């Protein structure tokens, strides 16, 4: 069976690598040389695990969704990353990277954010560690995720609204990289997803792998087995999926399903379904699949979900899809919204729009009664309430 671990050059098959400006080369090479050493240091792991337990609130519960299970005729478990401090899986990675930045002697932290969850998580750990924090966020996302902007500012972060492009996640990443180029010595860039130049995709996956590590232990307690039949996660860049899939990558019996954002439909011209619509190219320091024109110009993506509104995909997810290790479904805005209202009424859980794409897979797939299906509920829906209020009224009018 093929290995899905990154190789020594930072590639998953043809995907990955580190394509960075010369001014950042030393930073990236230094990070590549030390990250595994630091991550494997018992003192680092002890501090990381202590913060995950006492500050983040891990382990997050693995919840048996009884009513959903009855509706779909199978056993459905929700991995409750929405219950973490700051409301999503993003905090797992920012805790790890802030500890690494501190060990490297960095004093200033920058980050990009789409839905705002990574921005809030970064601002949170910067407050905790008393570090300067600058967060880049597309102006469109600032408007649709205003509550998270307010949280970041309350935590002491400077939020910079990006006016270029379609003013969403891609453009925030562009501006963050430009900042990094201007401040290479004192600045550490906490990338929020499993994207960017090596070693970021591997590093983020390792920090997020606590999700699948816990799933194995919790399933053993609940079902007497460590492996489910299916693990389902949404993918924008791919961080929560990387974490949910990590400890099952080499287990061929576990089927992995990734839900990307189809927006208004694959043929609509308003989509963010990179794996379905993209071709091989380079974006933000990595060779991967990119939504682009034949001459390599990036096509502006669209999704109702700010966290999935990205024209690329992490190299691990691109490789998994290429090798048929994962099944990738393109979920429309409408399907995701129907999933939101369904789970809210049936389980009393309001999910983030990103997580709703994973939940929508339940309407697309048929499962057997004996199957165990784990869905990574990557974030809570507090940040999306403005969207939910607006669209619920529109649905009611219909």
Protein backbone atom coordinates (compact mmCIF):
# COMPACT_ATOMS: atom_id res chain seq x y z
CA UNK A 1 0.00 0.00 0.00
CA UNK A 2 1.24 3.50 -0.80
CA UNK A 3 2.51 5.70 2.01
CA UNK A 4 0.60 8.89 2.67
CA UNK A 5 3.35 10.39 4.81
CA UNK A 6 5.33 13.30 3.40
CA UNK A 7 8.74 12.35 1.99
CA UNK A 8 12.04 13.96 2.96
CA UNK A 9 11.69 16.56 0.21
CA UNK A 10 8.25 17.62 1.38
CA UNK A 11 6.15 15.88 -1.26
CA UNK A 12 3.10 13.62 -1.26
CA UNK A 13 3.61 12.02 -4.64
CA UNK A 14 3.92 14.98 -7.02
CA UNK A 15 2.20 17.38 -4.63
CA UNK A 16 3.88 19.55 -2.01
CA UNK A 17 7.35 21.07 -1.92
CA UNK A 18 8.40 24.58 -0.91
CA UNK A 19 8.12 27.25 -3.61
CA UNK A 20 8.97 30.46 -1.74
CA UNK A 21 10.68 33.79 -2.45
CA UNK A 22 14.41 33.83 -1.74
CA UNK A 23 13.91 36.16 1.22
CA UNK A 24 11.86 33.44 2.99
CA UNK A 25 14.09 30.53 2.02
CA UNK A 26 16.15 30.64 5.22
CA UNK A 27 13.00 30.78 7.40
CA UNK A 28 11.41 27.82 5.67
CA UNK A 29 14.61 25.77 5.65
CA UNK A 30 15.19 26.47 9.34
CA UNK A 31 11.65 25.43 10.17
CA UNK A 32 12.03 22.27 8.08
CA UNK A 33 15.22 21.35 9.92
CA UNK A 34 13.90 21.78 13.44
CA UNK A 35 10.16 21.09 13.47
CA UNK A 36 10.32 17.30 13.87
CA UNK A 37 13.06 17.55 16.46
CA UNK A 38 11.03 20.00 18.50
CA UNK A 39 7.76 18.13 18.08
CA UNK A 40 9.40 14.92 19.28
CA UNK A 41 11.02 16.58 22.29
CA UNK A 42 9.34 15.13 25.43
CA UNK A 43 9.31 18.58 27.06
CA UNK A 44 7.53 20.09 24.03
CA UNK A 45 4.99 17.27 23.97
CA UNK A 46 4.37 17.56 27.71
CA UNK A 47 3.60 21.29 27.44
CA UNK A 48 1.53 20.80 24.28
CA UNK A 49 -0.55 18.01 25.81
CA UNK A 50 -1.03 19.91 29.06
CA UNK A 51 -2.39 22.94 27.21
CA UNK A 52 -4.64 20.76 25.05
CA UNK A 53 -6.07 19.21 28.20
CA UNK A 54 -6.33 22.17 30.58
CA UNK A 55 -6.69 25.12 28.20
CA UNK A 56 -8.39 23.72 25.10
CA UNK A 57 -10.52 21.17 26.96
CA UNK A 58 -9.42 17.97 25.23
CA UNK A 59 -10.27 15.24 24.66
CA UNK A 60 -13.28 16.51 22.73
CA UNK A 61 -16.25 14.15 23.10
CA UNK A 62 -17.16 11.49 20.55
CA UNK A 63 -20.94 11.82 20.65
CA UNK A 64 -23.36 9.14 19.47
CA UNK A 65 -25.99 11.04 17.49
CA UNK A 66 -28.99 8.86 18.24
CA UNK A 67 -31.65 10.65 16.17
CA UNK A 68 -29.38 11.08 13.16
CA UNK A 69 -28.48 7.41 13.44
CA UNK A 70 -32.13 6.41 13.44
CA UNK A 71 -32.88 8.64 10.45
CA UNK A 72 -30.04 7.28 8.29
CA UNK A 73 -30.14 3.68 9.51
CA UNK A 74 -26.53 3.48 10.68
CA UNK A 75 -24.35 4.37 13.68
CA UNK A 76 -23.31 8.02 13.49
CA UNK A 77 -20.79 9.57 15.84
CA UNK A 78 -19.87 13.25 15.90
CA UNK A 79 -16.35 14.23 16.92
CA UNK A 80 -17.16 17.40 18.84
CA UNK A 81 -14.34 19.78 17.87
CA UNK A 82 -16.96 22.53 18.19
CA UNK A 83 -16.65 22.16 21.96
CA UNK A 84 -12.99 23.18 22.03
CA UNK A 85 -11.97 26.54 23.47
CA UNK A 86 -12.55 29.11 20.66
CA UNK A 87 -15.17 26.86 19.03
CA UNK A 88 -13.27 24.84 16.42
CA UNK A 89 -10.37 22.49 15.69
CA UNK A 90 -8.07 25.42 14.82
CA UNK A 91 -6.83 25.84 18.40
CA UNK A 92 -5.03 22.45 18.27
CA UNK A 93 -2.68 23.78 15.61
CA UNK A 94 -2.20 27.29 16.98
CA UNK A 95 -1.20 25.92 20.40
CA UNK A 96 1.45 23.76 18.73
CA UNK A 97 2.77 26.46 16.42
CA UNK A 98 2.95 29.18 19.10
CA UNK A 99 5.08 26.86 21.22
CA UNK A 100 7.32 26.26 18.23
CA UNK A 101 7.54 29.99 17.46
CA UNK A 102 8.53 30.70 21.05
CA UNK A 103 11.29 28.09 20.91
CA UNK A 104 12.56 29.73 17.71
CA UNK A 105 12.79 33.10 19.47
CA UNK A 106 10.09 34.79 17.35
CA UNK A 107 8.30 37.78 18.88
CA UNK A 108 5.69 38.67 16.27
CA UNK A 109 2.96 36.40 14.93
CA UNK A 110 0.98 36.79 11.72
CA UNK A 111 -1.90 34.68 10.43
CA UNK A 112 -4.54 34.54 7.73
CA UNK A 113 -8.15 33.67 8.32
CA UNK A 114 -11.31 33.08 6.31
CA UNK A 115 -14.14 32.07 8.61
CA UNK A 116 -12.31 33.76 11.46
CA UNK A 117 -11.84 30.63 13.57
CA UNK A 118 -8.11 30.39 12.86
CA UNK A 119 -7.77 34.11 13.48
CA UNK A 120 -9.52 33.83 16.83
CA UNK A 121 -7.42 30.79 17.77
CA UNK A 122 -4.21 32.62 16.82
CA UNK A 123 -5.20 35.77 18.70
CA UNK A 124 -6.07 33.60 21.68
CA UNK A 125 -2.70 31.89 21.92
CA UNK A 126 -0.87 35.17 21.28
CA UNK A 127 -2.68 36.68 24.25
CA UNK A 128 -1.77 33.61 26.27
CA UNK A 129 1.92 33.87 25.32
CA UNK A 130 2.08 37.70 25.32
CA UNK A 131 3.05 38.00 21.64
CA UNK A 132 2.18 40.63 19.04
CA UNK A 133 -0.50 39.37 16.66
CA UNK A 134 -1.54 40.56 13.19
CA UNK A 135 -4.36 38.77 11.35
CA UNK A 136 -5.14 39.24 7.66
CA UNK A 137 -8.76 38.70 6.65
CA UNK A 138 -10.54 39.40 3.36
CA UNK A 139 -12.88 42.39 3.53
CA UNK A 140 -15.78 40.20 2.38
CA UNK A 141 -15.12 37.80 5.26
CA UNK A 142 -14.77 40.67 7.74
CA UNK A 143 -18.38 41.62 6.94
CA UNK A 144 -19.82 38.11 7.09
CA UNK A 145 -17.82 37.04 10.17
CA UNK A 146 -17.96 40.26 12.18
CA UNK A 147 -18.37 38.54 15.55
CA UNK A 148 -15.03 36.79 15.09
CA UNK A 149 -13.37 40.07 14.10
CA UNK A 150 -14.62 41.58 17.35
CA UNK A 151 -13.24 38.63 19.30
CA UNK A 152 -9.81 38.95 17.67
CA UNK A 153 -9.64 42.64 18.45
CA UNK A 154 -10.75 42.08 22.03
CA UNK A 155 -7.93 39.54 22.37
CA UNK A 156 -5.44 42.21 21.30
CA UNK A 157 -4.89 41.28 17.65
CA UNK A 158 -4.66 43.81 14.84
CA UNK A 159 -7.08 42.70 12.10
CA UNK A 160 -6.24 43.95 8.61
CA UNK A 161 -9.08 43.84 6.08
CA UNK A 162 -7.75 42.83 2.66
CA UNK A 163 -9.36 44.68 -0.25
CA UNK A 164 -7.68 42.85 -3.17
CA UNK A 165 -9.15 40.06 -5.32
CA UNK A 166 -12.54 38.85 -4.16
CA UNK A 167 -11.52 39.83 -0.61
CA UNK A 168 -11.61 36.31 0.85
CA UNK A 169 -9.19 33.68 2.11
CA UNK A 170 -6.86 33.51 -0.90
CA UNK A 171 -6.28 37.24 -0.72
CA UNK A 172 -5.68 37.12 3.04
CA UNK A 173 -2.97 34.49 2.48
CA UNK A 174 -1.37 36.65 -0.23
CA UNK A 175 -1.13 39.62 2.14
CA UNK A 176 0.18 37.49 5.02
CA UNK A 177 2.96 36.13 2.80
CA UNK A 178 3.87 39.69 1.72
CA UNK A 179 4.09 40.70 5.38
CA UNK A 180 6.31 37.68 6.10
CA UNK A 181 8.60 38.70 3.24
CA UNK A 182 8.90 42.18 4.80
CA UNK A 183 9.63 40.88 8.31
CA UNK A 184 11.48 37.57 7.90
CA UNK A 185 13.65 37.77 11.01
CA UNK A 186 11.27 38.47 13.90
CA UNK A 187 7.99 37.15 12.44
CA UNK A 188 6.51 33.67 12.56
CA UNK A 189 3.61 32.88 10.22
CA UNK A 190 1.06 30.54 11.80
CA UNK A 191 -0.62 28.99 8.77
CA UNK A 192 -4.06 27.73 9.71
CA UNK A 193 -4.58 24.92 7.25
CA UNK A 194 -2.57 22.03 5.82
CA UNK A 195 -1.40 24.22 2.93
CA UNK A 196 1.64 26.30 2.08
CA UNK A 197 5.31 25.37 1.68
CA UNK A 198 6.77 22.30 3.36
CA UNK A 199 6.89 21.72 6.31
CA UNK A 200 3.56 23.44 7.01
CA UNK A 201 1.19 20.81 5.53
CA UNK A 202 2.88 18.01 7.49
CA UNK A 203 3.27 20.08 10.64
CA UNK A 204 -0.37 21.17 10.71
CA UNK A 205 -1.51 17.58 10.07
CA UNK A 206 0.63 16.38 12.99
CA UNK A 207 -0.78 18.97 15.38
CA UNK A 208 -4.34 18.18 14.26
CA UNK A 209 -3.77 14.40 14.41
CA UNK A 210 -4.86 14.52 18.04
CA UNK A 211 -8.38 14.30 16.56
CA UNK A 212 -7.95 10.85 14.99
CA UNK A 213 -5.79 9.72 17.92
CA UNK A 214 -8.73 10.39 20.23
CA UNK A 215 -11.28 8.86 17.85
CA UNK A 216 -9.41 5.54 18.00
CA UNK A 217 -9.33 5.51 21.81
CA UNK A 218 -12.93 6.64 22.17
CA UNK A 219 -14.29 4.12 19.67
CA UNK A 220 -12.46 1.34 21.49
CA UNK A 221 -14.29 2.33 24.66
CA UNK A 222 -17.69 2.71 23.00
CA UNK A 223 -17.67 0.01 20.32
CA UNK A 224 -14.81 -2.33 21.26
CA UNK A 225 -12.89 -1.45 18.09
CA UNK A 226 -10.51 1.36 17.18
CA UNK A 227 -11.49 1.81 13.55
CA UNK A 228 -14.79 3.09 12.16
CA UNK A 229 -16.07 2.14 8.73
CA UNK A 230 -16.14 5.76 7.57
CA UNK A 231 -14.59 9.07 8.59
CA UNK A 232 -16.12 12.18 7.02
CA UNK A 233 -14.69 15.72 7.11
CA UNK A 234 -15.05 18.93 5.14
CA UNK A 235 -12.07 20.29 3.19
CA UNK A 236 -11.14 23.84 2.29
CA UNK A 237 -7.39 23.80 2.77
CA UNK A 238 -7.63 20.49 4.61
CA UNK A 239 -6.59 20.90 8.25
CA UNK A 240 -9.54 19.30 10.04
CA UNK A 241 -9.65 16.49 7.47
CA UNK A 242 -5.91 15.91 7.86
CA UNK A 243 -6.41 15.59 11.61
CA UNK A 244 -9.49 13.36 11.40
CA UNK A 245 -7.92 11.09 8.77
CA UNK A 246 -4.32 10.99 10.05
CA UNK A 247 -4.30 7.78 12.10
CA UNK A 248 -6.44 5.98 9.51
CA UNK A 249 -4.43 6.81 6.40
CA UNK A 250 -2.79 3.40 6.25
CA UNK A 251 -5.92 1.49 7.32
CA UNK A 252 -7.47 0.47 4.02
CA UNK A 253 -10.61 -0.80 5.75
CA UNK A 254 -11.49 2.74 6.89
CA UNK A 255 -13.18 4.69 4.10
CA UNK A 256 -12.33 8.40 4.09
CA UNK A 257 -14.80 10.90 2.64
CA UNK A 258 -13.94 14.56 2.06
CA UNK A 259 -16.65 17.16 1.43
CA UNK A 260 -15.56 20.20 -0.55
CA UNK A 261 -17.62 23.28 -1.33
CA UNK A 262 -19.49 23.19 -4.63
CA UNK A 263 -20.99 26.62 -3.92
CA UNK A 264 -23.87 27.15 -6.35
CA UNK A 265 -22.93 24.04 -8.33
CA UNK A 266 -19.97 22.57 -10.18
CA UNK A 267 -21.09 24.02 -13.50
CA UNK A 268 -22.27 27.35 -12.11
CA UNK A 269 -18.99 29.27 -12.27
CA UNK A 270 -19.44 29.98 -8.56
CA UNK A 271 -17.74 27.13 -6.75
CA UNK A 272 -14.76 26.28 -4.55
CA UNK A 273 -14.59 22.57 -5.45
CA UNK A 274 -10.86 22.47 -6.17
CA UNK A 275 -10.45 18.71 -6.44
CA UNK A 276 -13.31 18.47 -8.94
CA UNK A 277 -12.45 21.58 -10.93
CA UNK A 278 -8.75 22.19 -10.35
CA UNK A 279 -5.59 21.26 -12.22
CA UNK A 280 -2.01 20.86 -11.08
CA UNK A 281 -0.29 24.14 -10.28
CA UNK A 282 1.47 26.13 -7.57
CA UNK A 283 -0.30 28.28 -5.01
CA UNK A 284 1.01 29.80 -1.79
CA UNK A 285 4.28 27.87 -1.85
CA UNK A 286 3.00 24.40 -2.70
CA UNK A 287 2.43 22.29 -5.82
CA UNK A 288 -1.12 21.04 -5.60
CA UNK A 289 -4.49 21.27 -7.35
CA UNK A 290 -5.59 24.81 -8.13
CA UNK A 291 -8.69 26.35 -9.66
CA UNK A 292 -7.08 28.15 -12.58
CA UNK A 293 -7.41 29.15 -16.21
CA UNK A 294 -5.45 27.27 -18.91
CA UNK A 295 -2.73 29.95 -18.70
CA UNK A 296 -2.40 29.58 -14.93
CA UNK A 297 -4.47 32.52 -13.64
CA UNK A 298 -6.26 31.67 -10.39
CA UNK A 299 -10.04 31.50 -10.71
CA UNK A 300 -11.81 33.28 -7.87
CA UNK A 301 -13.64 30.69 -5.75
CA UNK A 302 -17.05 31.01 -4.17
CA UNK A 303 -18.69 29.31 -1.20
CA UNK A 304 -21.25 30.44 1.32
CA UNK A 305 -18.73 29.10 3.83
CA UNK A 306 -15.83 31.52 4.38
CA UNK A 307 -13.59 28.71 5.63
CA UNK A 308 -13.99 26.66 2.43
CA UNK A 309 -13.76 29.61 0.02
CA UNK A 310 -10.25 28.78 -1.27
CA UNK A 311 -9.03 28.00 -4.83
CA UNK A 312 -6.45 25.42 -3.74
CA UNK A 313 -6.22 22.36 -1.52
CA UNK A 314 -3.54 20.94 0.75
CA UNK A 315 -1.09 18.62 -1.01
CA UNK A 316 -2.01 15.65 1.21
CA UNK A 317 -5.67 15.94 0.23
CA UNK A 318 -4.72 16.32 -3.45
CA UNK A 319 -2.60 13.17 -3.28
CA UNK A 320 -5.25 11.19 -1.39
CA UNK A 321 -7.83 12.07 -4.02
CA UNK A 322 -5.46 11.22 -6.87
CA UNK A 323 -4.68 7.83 -5.35
CA UNK A 324 -8.36 7.14 -4.57
CA UNK A 325 -7.59 6.94 -0.85
CA UNK A 326 -10.39 9.43 -0.27
CA UNK A 327 -13.75 9.89 -1.91
CA UNK A 328 -14.40 13.56 -2.54
CA UNK A 329 -17.96 14.88 -2.77
CA UNK A 330 -18.80 18.41 -3.89
CA UNK A 331 -21.52 19.78 -1.60
CA UNK A 332 -23.57 22.80 -2.63
CA UNK A 333 -24.55 25.73 -0.43
CA UNK A 334 -28.13 24.48 -0.45
CA UNK A 335 -27.17 20.98 0.68
CA UNK A 336 -25.04 22.39 3.48
CA UNK A 337 -27.83 24.67 4.67
CA UNK A 338 -30.34 21.83 4.72
CA UNK A 339 -27.88 19.88 6.87
CA UNK A 340 -27.60 22.84 9.27
CA UNK A 341 -31.32 23.02 9.92
CA UNK A 342 -31.62 19.23 10.13
CA UNK A 343 -28.96 18.62 12.77
CA UNK A 344 -29.99 21.69 14.75
CA UNK A 345 -33.54 20.40 15.13
CA UNK A 346 -32.63 16.74 15.54
CA UNK A 347 -29.60 16.90 17.85
CA UNK A 348 -29.68 20.39 19.38
CA UNK A 349 -26.31 21.25 17.83
CA UNK A 350 -25.78 24.32 15.63
CA UNK A 351 -22.80 23.51 13.37
CA UNK A 352 -20.50 25.86 11.50
CA UNK A 353 -21.16 26.19 7.78
CA UNK A 354 -17.89 24.37 7.11
CA UNK A 355 -18.93 21.37 9.21
CA UNK A 356 -22.36 21.38 7.57
CA UNK A 357 -20.73 20.32 4.30
CA UNK A 358 -19.51 17.15 6.01
CA UNK A 359 -22.92 16.54 7.57
CA UNK A 360 -24.55 16.89 4.14
CA UNK A 361 -22.74 13.73 3.03
CA UNK A 362 -25.39 11.78 4.97
CA UNK A 363 -27.91 12.65 2.24
CA UNK A 364 -25.52 11.58 -0.53
CA UNK A 365 -24.26 8.21 0.74
CA UNK A 366 -26.07 5.04 1.74
CA UNK A 367 -24.63 3.29 4.78
CA UNK A 368 -25.25 -0.19 6.15
CA UNK A 369 -26.99 -0.68 9.52
CA UNK A 370 -23.82 -2.08 11.08
CA UNK A 371 -21.53 0.68 9.82
CA UNK A 372 -19.85 3.07 12.21
CA UNK A 373 -19.67 6.54 10.68
CA UNK A 374 -17.62 9.29 12.34
CA UNK A 375 -18.20 12.88 11.20
CA UNK A 376 -15.73 15.52 12.29
CA UNK A 377 -17.84 18.40 13.56
CA UNK A 378 -15.01 20.89 13.07
CA UNK A 379 -16.67 24.03 14.43
CA UNK A 380 -19.71 25.59 16.05
CA UNK A 381 -22.17 27.82 14.28
CA UNK A 382 -22.05 30.94 16.48
CA UNK A 383 -20.03 32.79 13.83
CA UNK A 384 -22.62 31.98 11.13
CA UNK A 385 -25.74 33.11 12.93
CA UNK A 386 -26.15 36.22 10.78
CA UNK A 387 -26.17 34.03 7.66
CA UNK A 388 -28.52 31.51 9.27
CA UNK A 389 -30.96 34.22 10.33
CA UNK A 390 -31.05 35.76 6.86
CA UNK A 391 -31.45 32.47 5.01
CA UNK A 392 -33.91 30.91 7.42
CA UNK A 393 -36.28 33.78 6.70
CA UNK A 394 -35.82 33.30 2.97
CA UNK A 395 -36.50 29.56 3.26
CA UNK A 396 -39.61 30.24 5.34
CA UNK A 397 -40.94 32.63 2.71
CA UNK A 398 -40.68 29.83 0.12
